[in-house]
C-alpha atoms as a PDB file:
ATOM      1  CA  UNK A   1      -6.670  -0.030 -12.814  1.00  0.00           C
ATOM      2  CA  UNK A   2      -5.237   0.829  -9.435  1.00  0.00           C
ATOM      3  CA  UNK A   3      -3.325  -2.423  -9.084  1.00  0.00           C
ATOM      4  CA  UNK A   4      -0.037  -2.232  -7.227  1.00  0.00           C
ATOM      5  CA  UNK A   5       3.022  -3.115  -9.244  1.00  0.00           C
ATOM      6  CA  UNK A   6       6.776  -3.342  -8.912  1.00  0.00           C
ATOM      7  CA  UNK A   7       9.112  -2.184 -11.666  1.00  0.00           C
ATOM      8  CA  UNK A   8      12.240  -4.341 -11.769  1.00  0.00           C
ATOM      9  CA  UNK A   9      15.221  -2.474 -13.194  1.00  0.00           C
ATOM     10  CA  UNK A  10      18.348  -4.018 -14.681  1.00  0.00           C
ATOM     11  CA  UNK A  11      20.870  -4.560 -11.905  1.00  0.00           C
ATOM     12  CA  UNK A  12      18.361  -5.587  -9.266  1.00  0.00           C
ATOM     13  CA  UNK A  13      16.782  -2.318  -8.110  1.00  0.00           C
ATOM     14  CA  UNK A  14      13.013  -2.043  -7.735  1.00  0.00           C
ATOM     15  CA  UNK A  15      10.485   0.782  -7.823  1.00  0.00           C
ATOM     16  CA  UNK A  16       6.860   0.705  -6.664  1.00  0.00           C
ATOM     17  CA  UNK A  17       4.198   1.609  -9.194  1.00  0.00           C
ATOM     18  CA  UNK A  18       0.461   1.862  -9.775  1.00  0.00           C
ATOM     19  CA  UNK A  19      -1.366   0.688 -12.907  1.00  0.00           C
ATOM     20  CA  UNK A  20      -3.132   3.698 -14.435  1.00  0.00           C
ATOM     21  CA  UNK A  21      -4.644   2.170 -17.574  1.00  0.00           C
ATOM     22  CA  UNK A  22      -5.093  -1.178 -19.295  1.00  0.00           C
ATOM     23  CA  UNK A  23      -5.122  -1.432 -23.098  1.00  0.00           C
ATOM     24  CA  UNK A  24      -5.282  -4.148 -25.769  1.00  0.00           C
ATOM     25  CA  UNK A  25      -7.276  -6.574 -23.606  1.00  0.00           C
ATOM     26  CA  UNK A  26      -4.668  -6.488 -20.833  1.00  0.00           C
ATOM     27  CA  UNK A  27      -1.593  -6.842 -23.032  1.00  0.00           C
ATOM     28  CA  UNK A  28      -0.459  -3.178 -22.624  1.00  0.00           C
ATOM     29  CA  UNK A  29      -0.362  -1.313 -19.296  1.00  0.00           C
ATOM     30  CA  UNK A  30       0.406   2.271 -18.312  1.00  0.00           C
ATOM     31  CA  UNK A  31       2.121   2.441 -14.930  1.00  0.00           C
ATOM     32  CA  UNK A  32       3.181   5.427 -12.805  1.00  0.00           C
ATOM     33  CA  UNK A  33       6.384   4.864 -10.846  1.00  0.00           C
ATOM     34  CA  UNK A  34       7.475   6.412  -7.539  1.00  0.00           C
ATOM     35  CA  UNK A  35       9.018   9.475  -9.226  1.00  0.00           C
ATOM     36  CA  UNK A  36       5.796  10.165 -11.136  1.00  0.00           C
ATOM     37  CA  UNK A  37       7.073   8.965 -14.513  1.00  0.00           C
ATOM     38  CA  UNK A  38       4.491   7.071 -16.575  1.00  0.00           C
ATOM     39  CA  UNK A  39       5.815   4.047 -18.462  1.00  0.00           C
ATOM     40  CA  UNK A  40       4.150   1.626 -20.841  1.00  0.00           C
ATOM     41  CA  UNK A  41       4.655  -2.110 -20.517  1.00  0.00           C
ATOM     42  CA  UNK A  42       3.613  -4.797 -22.998  1.00  0.00           C
ATOM     43  CA  UNK A  43       3.114  -8.498 -22.462  1.00  0.00           C
ATOM     44  CA  UNK A  44       5.908 -10.410 -24.157  1.00  0.00           C
ATOM     45  CA  UNK A  45       4.524 -13.406 -26.067  1.00  0.00           C
ATOM     46  CA  UNK A  46       7.894 -15.156 -25.702  1.00  0.00           C
ATOM     47  CA  UNK A  47       8.174 -14.919 -21.907  1.00  0.00           C
ATOM     48  CA  UNK A  48       4.623 -14.051 -20.722  1.00  0.00           C
ATOM     49  CA  UNK A  49       6.129 -11.159 -18.703  1.00  0.00           C
ATOM     50  CA  UNK A  50       5.434  -7.453 -18.947  1.00  0.00           C
ATOM     51  CA  UNK A  51       8.425  -5.653 -20.456  1.00  0.00           C
ATOM     52  CA  UNK A  52       9.072  -1.979 -21.229  1.00  0.00           C
ATOM     53  CA  UNK A  53       7.212  -1.060 -24.432  1.00  0.00           C
ATOM     54  CA  UNK A  54      10.186   0.900 -25.772  1.00  0.00           C
ATOM     55  CA  UNK A  55      12.773  -1.849 -25.239  1.00  0.00           C
ATOM     56  CA  UNK A  56      12.421  -5.539 -24.360  1.00  0.00           C
ATOM     57  CA  UNK A  57      15.778  -5.231 -22.541  1.00  0.00           C
ATOM     58  CA  UNK A  58      14.524  -2.442 -20.243  1.00  0.00           C
ATOM     59  CA  UNK A  59      12.667  -2.811 -16.947  1.00  0.00           C
ATOM     60  CA  UNK A  60      10.017  -5.450 -16.448  1.00  0.00           C
ATOM     61  CA  UNK A  61       6.784  -5.194 -14.497  1.00  0.00           C
ATOM     62  CA  UNK A  62       5.511  -7.414 -11.705  1.00  0.00           C
ATOM     63  CA  UNK A  63       1.839  -7.070 -10.694  1.00  0.00           C
ATOM     64  CA  UNK A  64       1.338  -7.254  -6.916  1.00  0.00           C
ATOM     65  CA  UNK A  65      -2.396  -6.854  -6.287  1.00  0.00           C
ATOM     66  CA  UNK A  66      -5.317  -4.464  -6.160  1.00  0.00           C
ATOM     67  CA  UNK A  67      -5.233  -1.430  -3.866  1.00  0.00           C
ATOM     68  CA  UNK A  68      -7.260  -1.731  -0.697  1.00  0.00           C
ATOM     69  CA  UNK A  69      -7.249  -5.511  -0.552  1.00  0.00           C
END
């Protein structure tokens, strides 16, 4: 928890985020974006990338590192 992340939206825009919670042994993450919205991302077994839990065609998540390091 507390890891920095970047939410990549369709069309090329990005939003900074922070990981709030980790579930299912790291396969599901809750992330708060810049506007305060909390989104869930799941690890796609097909691509090994984190994708929006509500739609595999929505935003994807890139983990950047742990805060303070």
